[in-house]
Each structure stands twice: as C-alpha cells, then as structure tokens.
C-alpha cells in the first residue's frame, strides 16, 4: 500500500501506517501520532489509564478532530 496524500502530490511512497479514522495509507511525513485516553469499566464508573494510547491518523482527520480549517478533498 502507498501513502494516499503522497499520491495526491504525484509521488509514490510506501505507507507505514493506516489512519485510524478514514483508513488511508500514510507515510512517515503524513502520519500524525496522537494520544488517546483509554477507559474501562471499574467499580462505580470508568477508570482511565495513566498512559495515553498511541493512535495514528492523517492530517485531514487530525484537523477535523481539533476543529481546524475546513478544506475540501481534491
């Protein structure tokens, strides 16, 4: 699988990850690694891990999650 964002730039780059949200292949340049809280049921309510889990997403999904500027896909 190749990086989707690189393909839009007319480049061929092997993907090293897949976006956890949209499923696009990503290279090192286009991958955004973000932390995600992990919760599980415990007693009277949820319990959160002290460590954030790693989640890889593309820059488009990252901007959408943090309510960044709206851009239309090409």
PDB file of N, CA and C in Angstrom:
ATOM      1  N   UNK A   1       0.854  -1.172   0.000  1.00  0.00           N
ATOM      2  CA  UNK A   1       0.000   0.000   0.000  1.00  0.00           C
ATOM      3  C   UNK A   1       0.899   1.234   0.000  1.00  0.00           C
ATOM      4  N   UNK A   2       0.465   2.264  -0.702  1.00  0.00           N
ATOM      5  CA  UNK A   2       1.203   3.521  -0.768  1.00  0.00           C
ATOM      6  C   UNK A   2       0.439   4.615  -0.024  1.00  0.00           C
ATOM      7  N   UNK A   3       1.146   5.684   0.294  1.00  0.00           N
ATOM      8  CA  UNK A   3       0.563   6.823   1.001  1.00  0.00           C
ATOM      9  C   UNK A   3      -0.425   7.557   0.092  1.00  0.00           C
ATOM     10  N   UNK A   4      -1.623   7.772   0.573  1.00  0.00           N
ATOM     11  CA  UNK A   4      -2.663   8.451  -0.197  1.00  0.00           C
ATOM     12  C   UNK A   4      -2.307   9.915  -0.430  1.00  0.00           C
ATOM     13  N   UNK A   5      -1.846  10.606   0.610  1.00  0.00           N
ATOM     14  CA  UNK A   5      -1.511  12.027   0.473  1.00  0.00           C
ATOM     15  C   UNK A   5      -0.355  12.232  -0.499  1.00  0.00           C
ATOM     16  N   UNK A   6       0.623  11.344  -0.497  1.00  0.00           N
ATOM     17  CA  UNK A   6       1.717  11.435  -1.467  1.00  0.00           C
ATOM     18  C   UNK A   6       1.187  11.219  -2.883  1.00  0.00           C
ATOM     19  N   UNK A   7       0.259  10.296  -3.053  1.00  0.00           N
ATOM     20  CA  UNK A   7      -0.324  10.047  -4.375  1.00  0.00           C
ATOM     21  C   UNK A   7      -1.011  11.301  -4.902  1.00  0.00           C
ATOM     22  N   UNK A   8      -1.648  12.074  -4.026  1.00  0.00           N
ATOM     23  CA  UNK A   8      -2.272  13.329  -4.447  1.00  0.00           C
ATOM     24  C   UNK A   8      -1.225  14.329  -4.927  1.00  0.00           C
ATOM     25  N   UNK A   9       0.009  14.203  -4.414  1.00  0.00           N
ATOM     26  CA  UNK A   9       1.123  15.065  -4.806  1.00  0.00           C
ATOM     27  C   UNK A   9       1.923  14.452  -5.957  1.00  0.00           C
ATOM     28  N   UNK A  10       1.395  13.400  -6.576  1.00  0.00           N
ATOM     29  CA  UNK A  10       2.044  12.702  -7.701  1.00  0.00           C
ATOM     30  C   UNK A  10       3.363  12.048  -7.300  1.00  0.00           C
ATOM     31  N   UNK A  11       3.450  11.560  -6.032  1.00  0.00           N
ATOM     32  CA  UNK A  11       4.621  10.834  -5.553  1.00  0.00           C
ATOM     33  C   UNK A  11       4.186   9.430  -5.152  1.00  0.00           C
ATOM     34  N   UNK A  12       5.105   8.508  -5.176  1.00  0.00           N
ATOM     35  CA  UNK A  12       4.838   7.142  -4.721  1.00  0.00           C
ATOM     36  C   UNK A  12       5.712   6.888  -3.497  1.00  0.00           C
ATOM     37  N   UNK A  13       5.067   6.744  -2.338  1.00  0.00           N
ATOM     38  CA  UNK A  13       5.777   6.500  -1.085  1.00  0.00           C
ATOM     39  C   UNK A  13       5.075   5.363  -0.351  1.00  0.00           C
ATOM     40  N   UNK A  14       5.824   4.350   0.090  1.00  0.00           N
ATOM     41  CA  UNK A  14       5.190   3.261   0.830  1.00  0.00           C
ATOM     42  C   UNK A  14       4.524   3.762   2.120  1.00  0.00           C
ATOM     43  N   UNK A  15       3.371   3.219   2.413  1.00  0.00           N
ATOM     44  CA  UNK A  15       2.666   3.553   3.656  1.00  0.00           C
ATOM     45  C   UNK A  15       3.278   2.768   4.806  1.00  0.00           C
ATOM     46  N   UNK A  16       3.385   3.418   5.960  1.00  0.00           N
ATOM     47  CA  UNK A  16       3.901   2.748   7.154  1.00  0.00           C
ATOM     48  C   UNK A  16       2.801   2.606   8.206  1.00  0.00           C
ATOM     49  N   UNK A  17       1.628   3.207   7.931  1.00  0.00           N
ATOM     50  CA  UNK A  17       0.505   3.151   8.871  1.00  0.00           C
ATOM     51  C   UNK A  17      -0.786   3.400   8.106  1.00  0.00           C
ATOM     52  N   UNK A  18      -1.892   3.159   8.797  1.00  0.00           N
ATOM     53  CA  UNK A  18      -3.220   3.402   8.245  1.00  0.00           C
ATOM     54  C   UNK A  18      -3.957   4.324   9.202  1.00  0.00           C
ATOM     55  N   UNK A  19      -4.628   5.345   8.666  1.00  0.00           N
ATOM     56  CA  UNK A  19      -5.385   6.277   9.505  1.00  0.00           C
ATOM     57  C   UNK A  19      -6.460   5.513  10.279  1.00  0.00           C
ATOM     58  N   UNK A  20      -6.486   5.711  11.594  1.00  0.00           N
ATOM     59  CA  UNK A  20      -7.451   5.021  12.455  1.00  0.00           C
ATOM     60  C   UNK A  20      -8.881   5.488  12.193  1.00  0.00           C
ATOM     61  N   UNK A  21      -9.040   6.637  11.545  1.00  0.00           N
ATOM     62  CA  UNK A  21     -10.388   7.163  11.310  1.00  0.00           C
ATOM     63  C   UNK A  21     -10.890   6.850   9.900  1.00  0.00           C
ATOM     64  N   UNK A  22     -10.133   7.235   8.866  1.00  0.00           N
ATOM     65  CA  UNK A  22     -10.636   7.085   7.495  1.00  0.00           C
ATOM     66  C   UNK A  22     -10.044   5.898   6.742  1.00  0.00           C
ATOM     67  N   UNK A  23      -8.935   5.332   7.236  1.00  0.00           N
ATOM     68  CA  UNK A  23      -8.359   4.150   6.619  1.00  0.00           C
ATOM     69  C   UNK A  23      -7.365   4.410   5.502  1.00  0.00           C
ATOM     70  N   UNK A  24      -6.983   5.656   5.235  1.00  0.00           N
ATOM     71  CA  UNK A  24      -5.989   5.960   4.202  1.00  0.00           C
ATOM     72  C   UNK A  24      -4.611   5.490   4.635  1.00  0.00           C
ATOM     73  N   UNK A  25      -3.815   5.028   3.666  1.00  0.00           N
ATOM     74  CA  UNK A  25      -2.431   4.683   3.938  1.00  0.00           C
ATOM     75  C   UNK A  25      -1.621   5.953   4.150  1.00  0.00           C
ATOM     76  N   UNK A  26      -0.658   5.903   5.074  1.00  0.00           N
ATOM     77  CA  UNK A  26       0.135   7.081   5.421  1.00  0.00           C
ATOM     78  C   UNK A  26       1.617   6.761   5.473  1.00  0.00           C
ATOM     79  N   UNK A  27       2.428   7.709   4.990  1.00  0.00           N
ATOM     80  CA  UNK A  27       3.874   7.607   5.133  1.00  0.00           C
ATOM     81  C   UNK A  27       4.287   8.341   6.410  1.00  0.00           C
ATOM     82  N   UNK A  28       5.573   8.314   6.730  1.00  0.00           N
ATOM     83  CA  UNK A  28       6.060   8.995   7.939  1.00  0.00           C
ATOM     84  C   UNK A  28       5.783  10.494   7.903  1.00  0.00           C
ATOM     85  N   UNK A  29       5.867  11.096   6.728  1.00  0.00           N
ATOM     86  CA  UNK A  29       5.659  12.544   6.603  1.00  0.00           C
ATOM     87  C   UNK A  29       4.207  12.949   6.876  1.00  0.00           C
ATOM     88  N   UNK A  30       3.258  12.125   6.470  1.00  0.00           N
ATOM     89  CA  UNK A  30       1.850  12.496   6.577  1.00  0.00           C
ATOM     90  C   UNK A  30       1.129  11.903   7.789  1.00  0.00           C
ATOM     91  N   UNK A  31       1.780  11.045   8.531  1.00  0.00           N
ATOM     92  CA  UNK A  31       1.153  10.424   9.705  1.00  0.00           C
ATOM     93  C   UNK A  31       1.218  11.372  10.904  1.00  0.00           C
ATOM     94  N   UNK A  32       0.110  11.502  11.613  1.00  0.00           N
ATOM     95  CA  UNK A  32       0.048  12.268  12.864  1.00  0.00           C
ATOM     96  C   UNK A  32      -0.182  11.263  13.987  1.00  0.00           C
ATOM     97  N   UNK A  33       0.725  11.232  14.940  1.00  0.00           N
ATOM     98  CA  UNK A  33       0.576  10.330  16.080  1.00  0.00           C
ATOM     99  C   UNK A  33       0.023  11.146  17.239  1.00  0.00           C
ATOM    100  N   UNK A  34      -1.147  10.746  17.727  1.00  0.00           N
ATOM    101  CA  UNK A  34      -1.810  11.469  18.809  1.00  0.00           C
ATOM    102  C   UNK A  34      -2.069  10.515  19.966  1.00  0.00           C
ATOM    103  N   UNK A  35      -2.223  11.076  21.151  1.00  0.00           N
ATOM    104  CA  UNK A  35      -2.545  10.272  22.324  1.00  0.00           C
ATOM    105  C   UNK A  35      -4.050  10.142  22.479  1.00  0.00           C
ATOM    106  N   UNK A  36      -4.476   9.009  22.986  1.00  0.00           N
ATOM    107  CA  UNK A  36      -5.903   8.766  23.209  1.00  0.00           C
ATOM    108  C   UNK A  36      -6.080   8.106  24.566  1.00  0.00           C
ATOM    109  N   UNK A  37      -6.953   8.684  25.383  1.00  0.00           N
ATOM    110  CA  UNK A  37      -7.234   8.108  26.698  1.00  0.00           C
ATOM    111  C   UNK A  37      -7.962   6.776  26.524  1.00  0.00           C
ATOM    112  N   UNK A  38      -7.577   5.817  27.329  1.00  0.00           N
ATOM    113  CA  UNK A  38      -8.216   4.505  27.314  1.00  0.00           C
ATOM    114  C   UNK A  38      -8.976   4.348  28.617  1.00  0.00           C
ATOM    115  N   UNK A  39     -10.267   4.021  28.501  1.00  0.00           N
ATOM    116  CA  UNK A  39     -11.089   3.829  29.692  1.00  0.00           C
ATOM    117  C   UNK A  39     -11.663   2.429  29.702  1.00  0.00           C
ATOM    118  N   UNK A  40     -11.871   1.923  30.911  1.00  0.00           N
ATOM    119  CA  UNK A  40     -12.521   0.623  31.072  1.00  0.00           C
ATOM    120  C   UNK A  40     -13.435   0.711  32.282  1.00  0.00           C
ATOM    121  N   UNK A  41     -14.496  -0.077  32.301  1.00  0.00           N
ATOM    122  CA  UNK A  41     -15.393  -0.059  33.458  1.00  0.00           C
ATOM    123  C   UNK A  41     -14.673  -0.568  34.709  1.00  0.00           C
ATOM    124  N   UNK A  42     -14.861   0.132  35.817  1.00  0.00           N
ATOM    125  CA  UNK A  42     -14.242  -0.289  37.079  1.00  0.00           C
ATOM    126  C   UNK A  42     -15.088   0.232  38.236  1.00  0.00           C
ATOM    127  N   UNK A  43     -15.694  -0.652  38.991  1.00  0.00           N
ATOM    128  CA  UNK A  43     -16.481  -0.236  40.153  1.00  0.00           C
ATOM    129  C   UNK A  43     -17.698   0.578  39.759  1.00  0.00           C
ATOM    130  N   UNK A  44     -17.791   1.784  40.291  1.00  0.00           N
ATOM    131  CA  UNK A  44     -18.960   2.630  40.065  1.00  0.00           C
ATOM    132  C   UNK A  44     -18.874   3.475  38.792  1.00  0.00           C
ATOM    133  N   UNK A  45     -17.775   3.426  38.064  1.00  0.00           N
ATOM    134  CA  UNK A  45     -17.643   4.231  36.853  1.00  0.00           C
ATOM    135  C   UNK A  45     -16.413   3.853  36.078  1.00  0.00           C
ATOM    136  N   UNK A  46     -16.122   4.600  35.010  1.00  0.00           N
ATOM    137  CA  UNK A  46     -14.964   4.257  34.193  1.00  0.00           C
ATOM    138  C   UNK A  46     -13.650   4.608  34.884  1.00  0.00           C
ATOM    139  N   UNK A  47     -12.624   3.871  34.540  1.00  0.00           N
ATOM    140  CA  UNK A  47     -11.278   4.110  35.048  1.00  0.00           C
ATOM    141  C   UNK A  47     -10.389   4.402  33.847  1.00  0.00           C
ATOM    142  N   UNK A  48      -9.594   5.457  33.925  1.00  0.00           N
ATOM    143  CA  UNK A  48      -8.710   5.824  32.820  1.00  0.00           C
ATOM    144  C   UNK A  48      -7.292   5.335  33.077  1.00  0.00           C
ATOM    145  N   UNK A  49      -6.626   4.948  31.997  1.00  0.00           N
ATOM    146  CA  UNK A  49      -5.227   4.552  32.081  1.00  0.00           C
ATOM    147  C   UNK A  49      -4.378   5.780  32.368  1.00  0.00           C
ATOM    148  N   UNK A  50      -3.281   5.590  33.074  1.00  0.00           N
ATOM    149  CA  UNK A  50      -2.367   6.699  33.355  1.00  0.00           C
ATOM    150  C   UNK A  50      -1.544   7.064  32.123  1.00  0.00           C
ATOM    151  N   UNK A  51      -1.481   6.159  31.175  1.00  0.00           N
ATOM    152  CA  UNK A  51      -0.720   6.365  29.956  1.00  0.00           C
ATOM    153  C   UNK A  51      -1.678   6.495  28.782  1.00  0.00           C
ATOM    154  N   UNK A  52      -1.408   7.438  27.897  1.00  0.00           N
ATOM    155  CA  UNK A  52      -2.222   7.582  26.696  1.00  0.00           C
ATOM    156  C   UNK A  52      -1.829   6.522  25.680  1.00  0.00           C
ATOM    157  N   UNK A  53      -2.828   5.973  24.993  1.00  0.00           N
ATOM    158  CA  UNK A  53      -2.563   5.023  23.918  1.00  0.00           C
ATOM    159  C   UNK A  53      -2.132   5.792  22.676  1.00  0.00           C
ATOM    160  N   UNK A  54      -1.385   5.146  21.824  1.00  0.00           N
ATOM    161  CA  UNK A  54      -0.938   5.764  20.574  1.00  0.00           C
ATOM    162  C   UNK A  54      -1.994   5.508  19.510  1.00  0.00           C
ATOM    163  N   UNK A  55      -2.313   6.551  18.737  1.00  0.00           N
ATOM    164  CA  UNK A  55      -3.268   6.436  17.636  1.00  0.00           C
ATOM    165  C   UNK A  55      -2.711   7.226  16.457  1.00  0.00           C
ATOM    166  N   UNK A  56      -2.670   6.593  15.287  1.00  0.00           N
ATOM    167  CA  UNK A  56      -2.139   7.238  14.089  1.00  0.00           C
ATOM    168  C   UNK A  56      -3.306   7.676  13.217  1.00  0.00           C
ATOM    169  N   UNK A  57      -3.306   8.965  12.841  1.00  0.00           N
ATOM    170  CA  UNK A  57      -4.343   9.488  11.954  1.00  0.00           C
ATOM    171  C   UNK A  57      -3.696  10.377  10.892  1.00  0.00           C
ATOM    172  N   UNK A  58      -4.438  10.632   9.825  1.00  0.00           N
ATOM    173  CA  UNK A  58      -3.938  11.511   8.763  1.00  0.00           C
ATOM    174  C   UNK A  58      -4.152  12.972   9.167  1.00  0.00           C
ATOM    175  N   UNK A  59      -3.504  13.873   8.452  1.00  0.00           N
ATOM    176  CA  UNK A  59      -3.609  15.292   8.786  1.00  0.00           C
ATOM    177  C   UNK A  59      -5.023  15.825   8.578  1.00  0.00           C
ATOM    178  N   UNK A  60      -5.749  15.304   7.612  1.00  0.00           N
ATOM    179  CA  UNK A  60      -7.129  15.753   7.371  1.00  0.00           C
ATOM    180  C   UNK A  60      -8.022  15.381   8.554  1.00  0.00           C
ATOM    181  N   UNK A  61      -7.945  14.145   9.022  1.00  0.00           N
ATOM    182  CA  UNK A  61      -8.754  13.713  10.168  1.00  0.00           C
ATOM    183  C   UNK A  61      -8.302  14.430  11.438  1.00  0.00           C
ATOM    184  N   UNK A  62      -7.003  14.678  11.569  1.00  0.00           N
ATOM    185  CA  UNK A  62      -6.494  15.390  12.740  1.00  0.00           C
ATOM    186  C   UNK A  62      -7.076  16.798  12.790  1.00  0.00           C
ATOM    187  N   UNK A  63      -7.069  17.514  11.675  1.00  0.00           N
ATOM    188  CA  UNK A  63      -7.641  18.860  11.632  1.00  0.00           C
ATOM    189  C   UNK A  63      -9.137  18.826  11.919  1.00  0.00           C
ATOM    190  N   UNK A  64      -9.838  17.820  11.404  1.00  0.00           N
ATOM    191  CA  UNK A  64     -11.275  17.705  11.642  1.00  0.00           C
ATOM    192  C   UNK A  64     -11.574  17.468  13.119  1.00  0.00           C
ATOM    193  N   UNK A  65     -10.727  16.669  13.778  1.00  0.00           N
ATOM    194  CA  UNK A  65     -10.950  16.369  15.194  1.00  0.00           C
ATOM    195  C   UNK A  65     -10.695  17.570  16.091  1.00  0.00           C
ATOM    196  N   UNK A  66      -9.782  18.440  15.708  1.00  0.00           N
ATOM    197  CA  UNK A  66      -9.494  19.609  16.530  1.00  0.00           C
ATOM    198  C   UNK A  66     -10.199  20.854  15.989  1.00  0.00           C
ATOM    199  N   UNK A  67     -11.173  20.646  15.113  1.00  0.00           N
ATOM    200  CA  UNK A  67     -11.989  21.721  14.536  1.00  0.00           C
ATOM    201  C   UNK A  67     -11.132  22.752  13.834  1.00  0.00           C
ATOM    202  N   UNK A  68     -10.195  22.273  13.015  1.00  0.00           N
ATOM    203  CA  UNK A  68      -9.335  23.157  12.248  1.00  0.00           C
ATOM    204  C   UNK A  68     -10.057  23.733  11.052  1.00  0.00           C
ATOM    205  N   UNK A  69      -9.321  24.384  10.165  1.00  0.00           N
ATOM    206  CA  UNK A  69      -9.944  24.998   8.994  1.00  0.00           C
ATOM    207  C   UNK A  69     -10.564  23.946   8.085  1.00  0.00           C
ATOM    208  N   UNK A  70     -11.687  24.280   7.490  1.00  0.00           N
ATOM    209  CA  UNK A  70     -12.394  23.365   6.615  1.00  0.00           C
ATOM    210  C   UNK A  70     -11.735  23.400   5.247  1.00  0.00           C
ATOM    211  N   UNK A  71     -11.347  22.219   4.747  1.00  0.00           N
ATOM    212  CA  UNK A  71     -10.781  22.107   3.414  1.00  0.00           C
ATOM    213  C   UNK A  71     -11.518  21.009   2.695  1.00  0.00           C
ATOM    214  N   UNK A  72     -11.785  21.201   1.425  1.00  0.00           N
ATOM    215  CA  UNK A  72     -12.475  20.196   0.644  1.00  0.00           C
ATOM    216  C   UNK A  72     -11.470  19.270  -0.010  1.00  0.00           C
ATOM    217  N   UNK A  73     -11.760  17.973   0.030  1.00  0.00           N
ATOM    218  CA  UNK A  73     -10.856  16.980  -0.544  1.00  0.00           C
ATOM    219  C   UNK A  73     -10.807  17.151  -2.062  1.00  0.00           C
ATOM    220  N   UNK A  74      -9.640  16.896  -2.616  1.00  0.00           N
ATOM    221  CA  UNK A  74      -9.468  17.026  -4.077  1.00  0.00           C
ATOM    222  C   UNK A  74      -9.989  15.816  -4.777  1.00  0.00           C
TER     223      UNK A  74
END
